[in-house]
Amino acid sequence: MDMTISIDENGTVITDLYKKPLALYLYIPPKSAHAPGVFKGLVFGQLLRIFYLCSRLPDIQRHIKDFYDRLKNRGYSHNDILPIFERAAEHAENFLLLTPDDKKQKREQKKCSNARKLFLHLPYHPHDPPSSILQRLFREHILFLADETPFFEVDIGNNAPVDIDGMITCYHRHPNLGNIFSVRKLCKKEGSRAAEQWRLRFPLS
């Protein structure tokens, strides 16, 4: 969990983040060809981790400032990252207030909502139309076509409407050199598996 646990002079358990002395903090630079949601997810996830694992407010504030400074050193501007930090801190504080039942309910609601969504998988490129344009085109030309029945009310037989009321754009990266020159999943490589070759070469007595 990358955390430290100690006990102060009053017998109170103190938790804090553990940082590797040689960590380089090589966060994605602002000009990297990543979908915008990747950086937002990085900030939200890191701040939630800080709030969740640190038991003292001064430690939380220190880690947030360190994270902010490292992003500035990577080339991000104050005006770009401050609004994301503010929303991420609010989200983390609200998340920690949820009870286990609240979290379970939110997961179920998200699961039900996603079941009614169409997932559009695309390789991300910064020069492609943004997701907002794709969403607008989907709403105007499929979901709410002018003078037509809304897509999710179209009867597909037996009084059953189309069970789709939205679209989610799912970006993935293009293959890199590692994907091309190295085998990530050995089970997909042609031929017998390594364990089978080992047993054939060194049979058990």
N, C-alpha and C. Protein backbone atom coordinates (compact mmCIF):
# COMPACT_ATOMS: atom_id res chain seq x y z
N MET A 1 0.82 -1.21 0.00
CA MET A 1 0.00 0.00 0.00
C MET A 1 0.85 1.26 0.00
N ASP A 2 2.17 1.12 0.06
CA ASP A 2 3.06 2.29 0.07
C ASP A 2 2.71 3.26 1.19
N MET A 3 2.70 2.76 2.40
CA MET A 3 2.38 3.61 3.54
C MET A 3 3.24 3.23 4.74
N THR A 4 3.36 4.15 5.66
CA THR A 4 4.07 3.90 6.91
C THR A 4 3.08 3.97 8.06
N ILE A 5 3.34 3.17 9.09
CA ILE A 5 2.47 3.15 10.28
C ILE A 5 3.35 3.35 11.50
N SER A 6 2.98 4.31 12.35
CA SER A 6 3.74 4.60 13.56
C SER A 6 2.77 4.91 14.70
N ILE A 7 3.30 4.95 15.91
CA ILE A 7 2.51 5.27 17.10
C ILE A 7 3.17 6.46 17.80
N ASP A 8 2.41 7.52 18.04
CA ASP A 8 2.99 8.70 18.67
C ASP A 8 3.02 8.52 20.19
N GLU A 9 3.47 9.58 20.88
CA GLU A 9 3.63 9.49 22.33
C GLU A 9 2.31 9.33 23.08
N ASN A 10 1.19 9.63 22.42
CA ASN A 10 -0.13 9.46 23.05
C ASN A 10 -0.75 8.10 22.75
N GLY A 11 -0.03 7.29 22.03
CA GLY A 11 -0.56 5.97 21.69
C GLY A 11 -1.47 5.97 20.48
N THR A 12 -1.48 7.07 19.72
CA THR A 12 -2.32 7.16 18.54
C THR A 12 -1.60 6.60 17.33
N VAL A 13 -2.30 5.79 16.56
CA VAL A 13 -1.72 5.21 15.35
C VAL A 13 -1.70 6.28 14.25
N ILE A 14 -0.54 6.50 13.65
CA ILE A 14 -0.36 7.50 12.61
C ILE A 14 -0.02 6.78 11.30
N THR A 15 -0.74 7.09 10.26
CA THR A 15 -0.45 6.54 8.93
C THR A 15 -0.05 7.66 8.00
N ASP A 16 0.87 7.34 7.09
CA ASP A 16 1.38 8.33 6.15
C ASP A 16 1.84 7.61 4.89
N LEU A 17 1.97 8.36 3.81
CA LEU A 17 2.47 7.78 2.57
C LEU A 17 3.95 7.44 2.69
N TYR A 18 4.34 6.37 2.07
CA TYR A 18 5.76 6.04 1.97
C TYR A 18 6.24 6.39 0.57
N LYS A 19 7.30 7.15 0.48
CA LYS A 19 7.86 7.57 -0.80
C LYS A 19 9.25 6.97 -0.96
N LYS A 20 9.46 6.27 -2.05
CA LYS A 20 10.76 5.67 -2.30
C LYS A 20 11.80 6.77 -2.49
N PRO A 21 12.95 6.65 -1.86
CA PRO A 21 13.97 7.71 -1.95
C PRO A 21 14.42 8.00 -3.37
N LEU A 22 14.42 6.98 -4.25
CA LEU A 22 14.90 7.17 -5.61
C LEU A 22 13.77 7.33 -6.62
N ALA A 23 12.54 7.56 -6.16
CA ALA A 23 11.42 7.73 -7.08
C ALA A 23 11.63 8.98 -7.93
N LEU A 24 11.39 8.85 -9.24
CA LEU A 24 11.61 9.96 -10.17
C LEU A 24 10.34 10.75 -10.47
N TYR A 25 9.16 10.20 -10.15
CA TYR A 25 7.89 10.88 -10.37
C TYR A 25 7.76 11.35 -11.82
N LEU A 26 7.93 10.40 -12.74
CA LEU A 26 7.87 10.72 -14.16
C LEU A 26 6.43 10.66 -14.67
N TYR A 27 5.61 11.61 -14.22
CA TYR A 27 4.23 11.69 -14.66
C TYR A 27 4.18 12.07 -16.14
N ILE A 28 3.08 11.72 -16.81
CA ILE A 28 2.97 12.04 -18.23
C ILE A 28 3.07 13.55 -18.44
N PRO A 29 3.88 13.99 -19.41
CA PRO A 29 4.02 15.43 -19.66
C PRO A 29 2.76 15.99 -20.34
N PRO A 30 2.55 17.29 -20.28
CA PRO A 30 1.32 17.88 -20.83
C PRO A 30 1.18 17.72 -22.34
N LYS A 31 2.28 17.58 -23.07
CA LYS A 31 2.21 17.43 -24.52
C LYS A 31 2.10 15.98 -24.96
N SER A 32 2.02 15.06 -24.03
CA SER A 32 1.92 13.65 -24.38
C SER A 32 0.57 13.36 -25.04
N ALA A 33 0.56 12.45 -26.00
CA ALA A 33 -0.67 12.13 -26.75
C ALA A 33 -1.53 11.15 -25.97
N HIS A 34 -1.96 11.57 -24.80
CA HIS A 34 -2.89 10.79 -23.98
C HIS A 34 -4.26 11.47 -24.01
N ALA A 35 -5.31 10.68 -23.89
CA ALA A 35 -6.65 11.25 -23.80
C ALA A 35 -6.74 12.14 -22.57
N PRO A 36 -7.51 13.24 -22.64
CA PRO A 36 -7.58 14.18 -21.50
C PRO A 36 -7.98 13.52 -20.19
N GLY A 37 -8.79 12.49 -20.26
CA GLY A 37 -9.24 11.83 -19.04
C GLY A 37 -8.14 11.12 -18.28
N VAL A 38 -7.03 10.82 -18.95
CA VAL A 38 -5.93 10.12 -18.29
C VAL A 38 -5.31 11.00 -17.22
N PHE A 39 -5.06 12.27 -17.55
CA PHE A 39 -4.47 13.17 -16.56
C PHE A 39 -5.45 13.45 -15.42
N LYS A 40 -6.70 13.65 -15.76
CA LYS A 40 -7.71 13.87 -14.72
C LYS A 40 -7.78 12.67 -13.78
N GLY A 41 -7.75 11.46 -14.34
CA GLY A 41 -7.77 10.27 -13.51
C GLY A 41 -6.55 10.16 -12.63
N LEU A 42 -5.38 10.60 -13.15
CA LEU A 42 -4.16 10.59 -12.35
C LEU A 42 -4.31 11.48 -11.12
N VAL A 43 -4.83 12.70 -11.31
CA VAL A 43 -4.97 13.64 -10.19
C VAL A 43 -6.01 13.14 -9.20
N PHE A 44 -7.16 12.71 -9.70
CA PHE A 44 -8.22 12.23 -8.81
C PHE A 44 -7.75 11.02 -8.02
N GLY A 45 -7.07 10.09 -8.69
CA GLY A 45 -6.61 8.90 -8.00
C GLY A 45 -5.53 9.19 -6.96
N GLN A 46 -4.60 10.09 -7.29
CA GLN A 46 -3.53 10.40 -6.36
C GLN A 46 -4.05 11.13 -5.13
N LEU A 47 -4.96 12.09 -5.33
CA LEU A 47 -5.50 12.82 -4.17
C LEU A 47 -6.36 11.92 -3.30
N LEU A 48 -7.12 11.02 -3.91
CA LEU A 48 -7.90 10.07 -3.11
C LEU A 48 -6.97 9.18 -2.30
N ARG A 49 -5.87 8.76 -2.90
CA ARG A 49 -4.87 7.95 -2.19
C ARG A 49 -4.28 8.72 -1.01
N ILE A 50 -3.98 10.00 -1.22
CA ILE A 50 -3.41 10.82 -0.14
C ILE A 50 -4.41 10.97 1.00
N PHE A 51 -5.64 11.31 0.70
CA PHE A 51 -6.66 11.48 1.74
C PHE A 51 -6.94 10.17 2.46
N TYR A 52 -6.90 9.06 1.72
CA TYR A 52 -7.27 7.77 2.29
C TYR A 52 -6.19 7.21 3.20
N LEU A 53 -4.92 7.41 2.85
CA LEU A 53 -3.84 6.76 3.59
C LEU A 53 -3.21 7.64 4.66
N CYS A 54 -3.41 8.95 4.62
CA CYS A 54 -2.79 9.85 5.59
C CYS A 54 -3.79 10.19 6.69
N SER A 55 -3.38 10.05 7.92
CA SER A 55 -4.30 10.29 9.05
C SER A 55 -4.20 11.71 9.60
N ARG A 56 -3.17 12.47 9.21
CA ARG A 56 -3.00 13.82 9.75
C ARG A 56 -3.12 14.85 8.63
N LEU A 57 -3.85 15.93 8.91
CA LEU A 57 -4.09 16.97 7.92
C LEU A 57 -2.79 17.60 7.40
N PRO A 58 -1.80 17.92 8.27
CA PRO A 58 -0.55 18.49 7.74
C PRO A 58 0.14 17.59 6.72
N ASP A 59 0.08 16.27 6.95
CA ASP A 59 0.68 15.35 5.98
C ASP A 59 -0.09 15.38 4.66
N ILE A 60 -1.41 15.44 4.74
CA ILE A 60 -2.22 15.52 3.52
C ILE A 60 -1.86 16.77 2.73
N GLN A 61 -1.78 17.89 3.41
CA GLN A 61 -1.46 19.15 2.73
C GLN A 61 -0.06 19.10 2.13
N ARG A 62 0.89 18.50 2.83
CA ARG A 62 2.26 18.42 2.33
C ARG A 62 2.35 17.56 1.08
N HIS A 63 1.68 16.42 1.09
CA HIS A 63 1.73 15.53 -0.06
C HIS A 63 1.04 16.14 -1.27
N ILE A 64 -0.07 16.84 -1.04
CA ILE A 64 -0.76 17.49 -2.15
C ILE A 64 0.13 18.56 -2.77
N LYS A 65 0.80 19.35 -1.94
CA LYS A 65 1.69 20.38 -2.46
C LYS A 65 2.86 19.76 -3.22
N ASP A 66 3.43 18.67 -2.69
CA ASP A 66 4.52 18.00 -3.39
C ASP A 66 4.06 17.49 -4.75
N PHE A 67 2.88 16.89 -4.79
CA PHE A 67 2.32 16.38 -6.05
C PHE A 67 2.11 17.52 -7.04
N TYR A 68 1.56 18.63 -6.54
CA TYR A 68 1.35 19.82 -7.39
C TYR A 68 2.67 20.34 -7.94
N ASP A 69 3.69 20.45 -7.09
CA ASP A 69 4.99 20.96 -7.53
C ASP A 69 5.63 20.04 -8.57
N ARG A 70 5.47 18.73 -8.41
CA ARG A 70 6.05 17.80 -9.38
C ARG A 70 5.37 17.93 -10.74
N LEU A 71 4.07 18.16 -10.73
CA LEU A 71 3.37 18.36 -12.00
C LEU A 71 3.80 19.67 -12.66
N LYS A 72 4.01 20.70 -11.85
CA LYS A 72 4.51 21.96 -12.39
C LYS A 72 5.89 21.74 -13.02
N ASN A 73 6.73 20.96 -12.37
CA ASN A 73 8.06 20.68 -12.91
C ASN A 73 8.00 19.88 -14.20
N ARG A 74 6.92 19.12 -14.39
CA ARG A 74 6.75 18.35 -15.62
C ARG A 74 6.24 19.22 -16.77
N GLY A 75 5.83 20.47 -16.45
CA GLY A 75 5.40 21.38 -17.52
C GLY A 75 3.95 21.81 -17.47
N TYR A 76 3.20 21.35 -16.47
CA TYR A 76 1.80 21.75 -16.38
C TYR A 76 1.69 23.16 -15.81
N SER A 77 0.69 23.90 -16.24
CA SER A 77 0.51 25.27 -15.76
C SER A 77 -0.45 25.30 -14.58
N HIS A 78 -0.29 26.32 -13.75
CA HIS A 78 -1.13 26.49 -12.57
C HIS A 78 -2.60 26.58 -12.95
N ASN A 79 -2.92 27.36 -13.98
CA ASN A 79 -4.32 27.57 -14.37
C ASN A 79 -4.97 26.30 -14.88
N ASP A 80 -4.18 25.39 -15.44
CA ASP A 80 -4.75 24.15 -15.98
C ASP A 80 -5.02 23.12 -14.89
N ILE A 81 -4.12 23.04 -13.91
CA ILE A 81 -4.23 21.95 -12.94
C ILE A 81 -4.98 22.34 -11.66
N LEU A 82 -5.05 23.64 -11.34
CA LEU A 82 -5.70 24.02 -10.09
C LEU A 82 -7.18 23.62 -10.05
N PRO A 83 -7.98 23.88 -11.11
CA PRO A 83 -9.39 23.45 -11.05
C PRO A 83 -9.55 21.95 -10.87
N ILE A 84 -8.66 21.17 -11.49
CA ILE A 84 -8.74 19.72 -11.35
C ILE A 84 -8.39 19.30 -9.93
N PHE A 85 -7.40 19.95 -9.33
CA PHE A 85 -7.04 19.66 -7.94
C PHE A 85 -8.21 19.97 -7.01
N GLU A 86 -8.89 21.08 -7.24
CA GLU A 86 -10.01 21.46 -6.36
C GLU A 86 -11.14 20.45 -6.45
N ARG A 87 -11.48 20.02 -7.67
CA ARG A 87 -12.54 19.02 -7.82
C ARG A 87 -12.11 17.67 -7.25
N ALA A 88 -10.83 17.33 -7.42
CA ALA A 88 -10.34 16.05 -6.91
C ALA A 88 -10.35 16.02 -5.39
N ALA A 89 -9.97 17.12 -4.75
CA ALA A 89 -9.99 17.18 -3.28
C ALA A 89 -11.41 17.07 -2.75
N GLU A 90 -12.34 17.75 -3.41
CA GLU A 90 -13.75 17.67 -2.99
C GLU A 90 -14.28 16.26 -3.16
N HIS A 91 -13.92 15.64 -4.28
CA HIS A 91 -14.36 14.26 -4.52
C HIS A 91 -13.80 13.31 -3.47
N ALA A 92 -12.52 13.47 -3.11
CA ALA A 92 -11.90 12.58 -2.12
C ALA A 92 -12.56 12.74 -0.76
N GLU A 93 -12.82 13.98 -0.35
CA GLU A 93 -13.45 14.21 0.95
C GLU A 93 -14.86 13.60 0.98
N ASN A 94 -15.62 13.77 -0.09
CA ASN A 94 -16.97 13.22 -0.14
C ASN A 94 -16.94 11.69 -0.17
N PHE A 95 -15.95 11.13 -0.86
CA PHE A 95 -15.86 9.67 -0.95
C PHE A 95 -15.60 9.05 0.41
N LEU A 96 -14.76 9.69 1.21
CA LEU A 96 -14.43 9.14 2.52
C LEU A 96 -15.60 9.21 3.49
N LEU A 97 -16.59 10.04 3.19
CA LEU A 97 -17.78 10.14 4.04
C LEU A 97 -18.81 9.05 3.73
N LEU A 98 -18.63 8.34 2.62
CA LEU A 98 -19.60 7.32 2.23
C LEU A 98 -19.48 6.09 3.12
N THR A 99 -20.61 5.52 3.46
CA THR A 99 -20.63 4.26 4.19
C THR A 99 -20.46 3.11 3.20
N PRO A 100 -20.12 1.90 3.67
CA PRO A 100 -20.02 0.75 2.74
C PRO A 100 -21.30 0.54 1.93
N ASP A 101 -22.47 0.77 2.55
CA ASP A 101 -23.73 0.62 1.82
C ASP A 101 -23.86 1.69 0.74
N ASP A 102 -23.41 2.91 1.05
CA ASP A 102 -23.45 3.98 0.05
C ASP A 102 -22.57 3.63 -1.16
N LYS A 103 -21.37 3.11 -0.88
CA LYS A 103 -20.47 2.74 -1.97
C LYS A 103 -21.05 1.62 -2.82
N LYS A 104 -21.68 0.64 -2.15
CA LYS A 104 -22.29 -0.46 -2.88
C LYS A 104 -23.43 0.04 -3.77
N GLN A 105 -24.22 0.97 -3.23
CA GLN A 105 -25.33 1.53 -4.00
C GLN A 105 -24.82 2.30 -5.21
N LYS A 106 -23.76 3.07 -5.04
CA LYS A 106 -23.22 3.83 -6.17
C LYS A 106 -22.66 2.90 -7.23
N ARG A 107 -22.02 1.79 -6.82
CA ARG A 107 -21.52 0.82 -7.80
C ARG A 107 -22.66 0.20 -8.59
N GLU A 108 -23.74 -0.13 -7.90
CA GLU A 108 -24.89 -0.73 -8.57
C GLU A 108 -25.53 0.26 -9.53
N GLN A 109 -25.64 1.53 -9.11
CA GLN A 109 -26.22 2.54 -9.99
C GLN A 109 -25.38 2.74 -11.24
N LYS A 110 -24.05 2.76 -11.07
CA LYS A 110 -23.16 2.92 -12.22
C LYS A 110 -23.25 1.70 -13.13
N LYS A 111 -23.35 0.52 -12.54
CA LYS A 111 -23.45 -0.70 -13.34
C LYS A 111 -24.72 -0.69 -14.17
N CYS A 112 -25.84 -0.30 -13.57
CA CYS A 112 -27.12 -0.24 -14.29
C CYS A 112 -27.08 0.82 -15.38
N SER A 113 -26.45 1.97 -15.07
CA SER A 113 -26.35 3.03 -16.06
C SER A 113 -25.50 2.61 -17.25
N ASN A 114 -24.37 1.96 -16.99
CA ASN A 114 -23.48 1.54 -18.07
C ASN A 114 -24.11 0.47 -18.94
N ALA A 115 -25.03 -0.31 -18.35
CA ALA A 115 -25.69 -1.37 -19.12
C ALA A 115 -26.55 -0.79 -20.24
N ARG A 116 -26.92 0.49 -20.13
CA ARG A 116 -27.76 1.14 -21.14
C ARG A 116 -26.93 2.03 -22.07
N LYS A 117 -25.62 1.90 -22.04
CA LYS A 117 -24.76 2.74 -22.85
C LYS A 117 -24.13 1.94 -24.00
N LEU A 118 -23.90 2.65 -25.09
CA LEU A 118 -23.15 2.10 -26.20
C LEU A 118 -21.69 2.52 -26.03
N PHE A 119 -20.75 1.57 -26.08
CA PHE A 119 -19.34 1.86 -25.87
C PHE A 119 -18.63 1.94 -27.22
N LEU A 120 -18.08 3.12 -27.50
CA LEU A 120 -17.35 3.34 -28.74
C LEU A 120 -15.85 3.30 -28.44
N HIS A 121 -15.16 2.26 -28.91
CA HIS A 121 -13.73 2.09 -28.63
C HIS A 121 -12.92 2.67 -29.79
N LEU A 122 -12.02 3.60 -29.46
CA LEU A 122 -11.22 4.28 -30.47
C LEU A 122 -9.78 4.41 -30.01
N PRO A 123 -8.81 4.27 -30.93
CA PRO A 123 -7.43 4.65 -30.59
C PRO A 123 -7.34 6.16 -30.52
N TYR A 124 -6.70 6.69 -29.48
CA TYR A 124 -6.68 8.15 -29.29
C TYR A 124 -5.61 8.81 -30.14
N HIS A 125 -6.00 9.93 -30.74
CA HIS A 125 -5.06 10.80 -31.43
C HIS A 125 -5.47 12.24 -31.16
N PRO A 126 -4.54 13.11 -30.77
CA PRO A 126 -4.92 14.48 -30.39
C PRO A 126 -5.52 15.30 -31.52
N HIS A 127 -5.31 14.89 -32.78
CA HIS A 127 -5.87 15.64 -33.91
C HIS A 127 -7.25 15.14 -34.33
N ASP A 128 -7.71 14.06 -33.73
CA ASP A 128 -9.05 13.56 -34.03
C ASP A 128 -10.12 14.45 -33.38
N PRO A 129 -11.36 14.39 -33.85
CA PRO A 129 -12.43 15.16 -33.19
C PRO A 129 -12.55 14.76 -31.73
N PRO A 130 -12.74 15.72 -30.83
CA PRO A 130 -12.84 15.38 -29.40
C PRO A 130 -14.10 14.58 -29.09
N SER A 131 -14.11 13.99 -27.93
CA SER A 131 -15.25 13.17 -27.51
C SER A 131 -16.54 13.98 -27.46
N SER A 132 -16.45 15.26 -27.12
CA SER A 132 -17.67 16.09 -27.04
C SER A 132 -18.38 16.17 -28.39
N ILE A 133 -17.62 16.25 -29.48
CA ILE A 133 -18.23 16.29 -30.82
C ILE A 133 -18.86 14.94 -31.16
N LEU A 134 -18.17 13.85 -30.83
CA LEU A 134 -18.73 12.52 -31.08
C LEU A 134 -20.03 12.33 -30.30
N GLN A 135 -20.05 12.81 -29.06
CA GLN A 135 -21.26 12.70 -28.26
C GLN A 135 -22.40 13.51 -28.88
N ARG A 136 -22.08 14.72 -29.33
CA ARG A 136 -23.12 15.57 -29.94
C ARG A 136 -23.68 14.93 -31.20
N LEU A 137 -22.82 14.39 -32.06
CA LEU A 137 -23.27 13.73 -33.28
C LEU A 137 -24.13 12.51 -32.97
N PHE A 138 -23.76 11.77 -31.93
CA PHE A 138 -24.56 10.60 -31.54
C PHE A 138 -25.95 11.02 -31.10
N ARG A 139 -26.01 12.10 -30.30
CA ARG A 139 -27.32 12.55 -29.83
C ARG A 139 -28.19 13.08 -30.97
N GLU A 140 -27.57 13.86 -31.88
CA GLU A 140 -28.34 14.51 -32.94
C GLU A 140 -28.75 13.56 -34.05
N HIS A 141 -27.94 12.57 -34.37
CA HIS A 141 -28.19 11.73 -35.54
C HIS A 141 -28.62 10.31 -35.21
N ILE A 142 -28.56 9.93 -33.95
CA ILE A 142 -29.00 8.58 -33.57
C ILE A 142 -30.00 8.63 -32.42
N LEU A 143 -29.61 9.25 -31.33
CA LEU A 143 -30.44 9.18 -30.12
C LEU A 143 -31.71 10.00 -30.27
N PHE A 144 -31.59 11.24 -30.74
CA PHE A 144 -32.74 12.13 -30.86
C PHE A 144 -32.81 12.67 -32.28
N LEU A 145 -33.06 11.80 -33.25
CA LEU A 145 -33.16 12.21 -34.63
C LEU A 145 -34.41 13.06 -34.82
N ALA A 146 -34.27 14.18 -35.54
CA ALA A 146 -35.38 15.14 -35.69
C ALA A 146 -36.61 14.47 -36.29
N ASP A 147 -37.77 14.77 -35.68
CA ASP A 147 -39.08 14.28 -36.14
C ASP A 147 -39.19 12.76 -36.13
N GLU A 148 -38.36 12.10 -35.35
CA GLU A 148 -38.39 10.64 -35.24
C GLU A 148 -38.52 10.24 -33.77
N THR A 149 -38.96 9.01 -33.56
CA THR A 149 -39.05 8.49 -32.20
C THR A 149 -37.65 8.38 -31.60
N PRO A 150 -37.47 8.83 -30.36
CA PRO A 150 -36.14 8.68 -29.73
C PRO A 150 -35.65 7.24 -29.83
N PHE A 151 -34.36 7.09 -30.02
CA PHE A 151 -33.78 5.78 -30.28
C PHE A 151 -34.12 4.77 -29.19
N PHE A 152 -34.10 5.22 -27.92
CA PHE A 152 -34.34 4.29 -26.82
C PHE A 152 -35.81 3.93 -26.66
N GLU A 153 -36.70 4.54 -27.50
CA GLU A 153 -38.12 4.18 -27.47
C GLU A 153 -38.54 3.38 -28.69
N VAL A 154 -37.61 3.09 -29.60
CA VAL A 154 -37.93 2.32 -30.80
C VAL A 154 -38.26 0.88 -30.41
N ASP A 155 -39.39 0.37 -30.90
CA ASP A 155 -39.83 -0.98 -30.58
C ASP A 155 -39.09 -1.98 -31.45
N ILE A 156 -38.39 -2.92 -30.82
CA ILE A 156 -37.67 -3.94 -31.58
C ILE A 156 -38.41 -5.27 -31.55
N GLY A 157 -39.68 -5.24 -31.14
CA GLY A 157 -40.49 -6.44 -31.12
C GLY A 157 -40.92 -6.81 -29.72
N ASN A 158 -42.15 -7.32 -29.59
CA ASN A 158 -42.70 -7.74 -28.30
C ASN A 158 -42.73 -6.58 -27.31
N ASN A 159 -42.99 -5.37 -27.84
CA ASN A 159 -43.07 -4.15 -27.00
C ASN A 159 -41.79 -3.94 -26.19
N ALA A 160 -40.66 -4.33 -26.74
CA ALA A 160 -39.37 -4.16 -26.07
C ALA A 160 -38.59 -3.04 -26.77
N PRO A 161 -38.35 -1.92 -26.10
CA PRO A 161 -37.61 -0.82 -26.73
C PRO A 161 -36.11 -1.10 -26.75
N VAL A 162 -35.42 -0.35 -27.59
CA VAL A 162 -33.97 -0.45 -27.62
C VAL A 162 -33.42 0.03 -26.27
N ASP A 163 -32.63 -0.78 -25.65
CA ASP A 163 -32.18 -0.49 -24.28
C ASP A 163 -30.86 0.29 -24.29
N ILE A 164 -30.80 1.38 -25.06
CA ILE A 164 -29.61 2.22 -25.14
C ILE A 164 -30.04 3.68 -25.06
N ASP A 165 -29.50 4.41 -24.09
CA ASP A 165 -29.88 5.81 -23.94
C ASP A 165 -28.67 6.75 -23.92
N GLY A 166 -27.49 6.27 -24.34
CA GLY A 166 -26.32 7.13 -24.35
C GLY A 166 -25.11 6.39 -24.91
N MET A 167 -24.01 7.13 -25.04
CA MET A 167 -22.79 6.56 -25.57
C MET A 167 -21.60 6.98 -24.71
N ILE A 168 -20.66 6.07 -24.52
CA ILE A 168 -19.43 6.36 -23.80
C ILE A 168 -18.27 6.14 -24.76
N THR A 169 -17.43 7.16 -24.91
CA THR A 169 -16.25 7.05 -25.77
C THR A 169 -15.10 6.47 -24.96
N CYS A 170 -14.59 5.32 -25.39
CA CYS A 170 -13.51 4.64 -24.68
C CYS A 170 -12.25 4.71 -25.54
N TYR A 171 -11.27 5.49 -25.09
CA TYR A 171 -10.03 5.62 -25.83
C TYR A 171 -9.02 4.59 -25.38
N HIS A 172 -8.23 4.11 -26.31
CA HIS A 172 -7.06 3.29 -25.97
C HIS A 172 -5.88 3.76 -26.81
N ARG A 173 -4.70 3.46 -26.36
CA ARG A 173 -3.51 3.94 -27.05
C ARG A 173 -3.21 3.07 -28.26
N HIS A 174 -2.40 3.61 -29.16
CA HIS A 174 -1.91 2.84 -30.30
C HIS A 174 -0.83 1.87 -29.83
N PRO A 175 -0.59 0.80 -30.56
CA PRO A 175 0.50 -0.12 -30.18
C PRO A 175 1.84 0.60 -30.14
N ASN A 176 2.65 0.26 -29.16
CA ASN A 176 3.99 0.83 -29.08
C ASN A 176 5.03 -0.24 -29.42
N LEU A 177 6.32 0.13 -29.31
CA LEU A 177 7.37 -0.82 -29.68
C LEU A 177 7.36 -2.05 -28.79
N GLY A 178 6.99 -1.85 -27.52
CA GLY A 178 6.92 -3.00 -26.62
C GLY A 178 5.90 -4.02 -27.08
N ASN A 179 4.75 -3.55 -27.58
CA ASN A 179 3.73 -4.47 -28.07
C ASN A 179 4.21 -5.22 -29.31
N ILE A 180 5.03 -4.56 -30.11
CA ILE A 180 5.46 -5.16 -31.37
C ILE A 180 6.59 -6.16 -31.18
N PHE A 181 7.56 -5.82 -30.32
CA PHE A 181 8.78 -6.63 -30.22
C PHE A 181 8.83 -7.56 -29.02
N SER A 182 7.89 -7.48 -28.10
CA SER A 182 7.92 -8.37 -26.95
C SER A 182 6.56 -9.02 -26.77
N VAL A 183 6.58 -10.23 -26.25
CA VAL A 183 5.35 -10.98 -26.01
C VAL A 183 4.86 -10.69 -24.61
N ARG A 184 3.71 -10.04 -24.49
CA ARG A 184 3.18 -9.70 -23.17
C ARG A 184 2.39 -10.85 -22.55
N LYS A 185 1.71 -11.62 -23.40
CA LYS A 185 0.91 -12.73 -22.90
C LYS A 185 1.41 -14.01 -23.56
N LEU A 186 2.20 -14.75 -22.79
CA LEU A 186 2.84 -15.94 -23.34
C LEU A 186 1.82 -17.00 -23.75
N CYS A 187 0.64 -16.98 -23.12
CA CYS A 187 -0.36 -18.00 -23.45
C CYS A 187 -0.87 -17.84 -24.89
N LYS A 188 -0.68 -16.64 -25.49
CA LYS A 188 -1.15 -16.41 -26.85
C LYS A 188 -0.07 -16.74 -27.89
N LYS A 189 1.12 -17.05 -27.42
CA LYS A 189 2.21 -17.39 -28.34
C LYS A 189 2.00 -18.80 -28.87
N GLU A 190 2.24 -18.98 -30.17
CA GLU A 190 2.02 -20.29 -30.78
C GLU A 190 2.99 -21.32 -30.21
N GLY A 191 2.53 -22.55 -30.16
CA GLY A 191 3.36 -23.63 -29.63
C GLY A 191 2.90 -24.04 -28.25
N SER A 192 3.56 -25.08 -27.72
CA SER A 192 3.19 -25.57 -26.40
C SER A 192 3.63 -24.59 -25.33
N ARG A 193 2.95 -24.62 -24.20
CA ARG A 193 3.25 -23.70 -23.11
C ARG A 193 4.57 -24.05 -22.44
N ALA A 194 5.15 -23.03 -21.77
CA ALA A 194 6.45 -23.21 -21.15
C ALA A 194 6.42 -24.34 -20.12
N ALA A 195 5.34 -24.43 -19.34
CA ALA A 195 5.25 -25.47 -18.32
C ALA A 195 5.27 -26.86 -18.95
N GLU A 196 4.59 -27.00 -20.11
CA GLU A 196 4.56 -28.29 -20.78
C GLU A 196 5.94 -28.65 -21.32
N GLN A 197 6.66 -27.65 -21.89
CA GLN A 197 8.01 -27.90 -22.37
C GLN A 197 8.94 -28.30 -21.23
N TRP A 198 8.76 -27.70 -20.06
CA TRP A 198 9.60 -28.03 -18.90
C TRP A 198 9.37 -29.47 -18.45
N ARG A 199 8.11 -29.89 -18.42
CA ARG A 199 7.81 -31.26 -17.99
C ARG A 199 8.37 -32.28 -18.98
N LEU A 200 8.33 -31.94 -20.28
CA LEU A 200 8.85 -32.87 -21.29
C LEU A 200 10.37 -32.99 -21.19
N ARG A 201 11.03 -31.87 -20.87
CA ARG A 201 12.50 -31.88 -20.77
C ARG A 201 12.99 -32.48 -19.47
N PHE A 202 12.26 -32.23 -18.39
CA PHE A 202 12.67 -32.71 -17.06
C PHE A 202 11.50 -33.48 -16.44
N PRO A 203 11.21 -34.68 -16.91
CA PRO A 203 10.09 -35.46 -16.34
C PRO A 203 10.34 -35.83 -14.89
N LEU A 204 9.26 -35.86 -14.13
CA LEU A 204 9.37 -36.26 -12.72
C LEU A 204 9.61 -37.75 -12.61
N SER A 205 10.48 -38.15 -11.71
CA SER A 205 10.79 -39.57 -11.53
C SER A 205 9.70 -40.23 -10.69
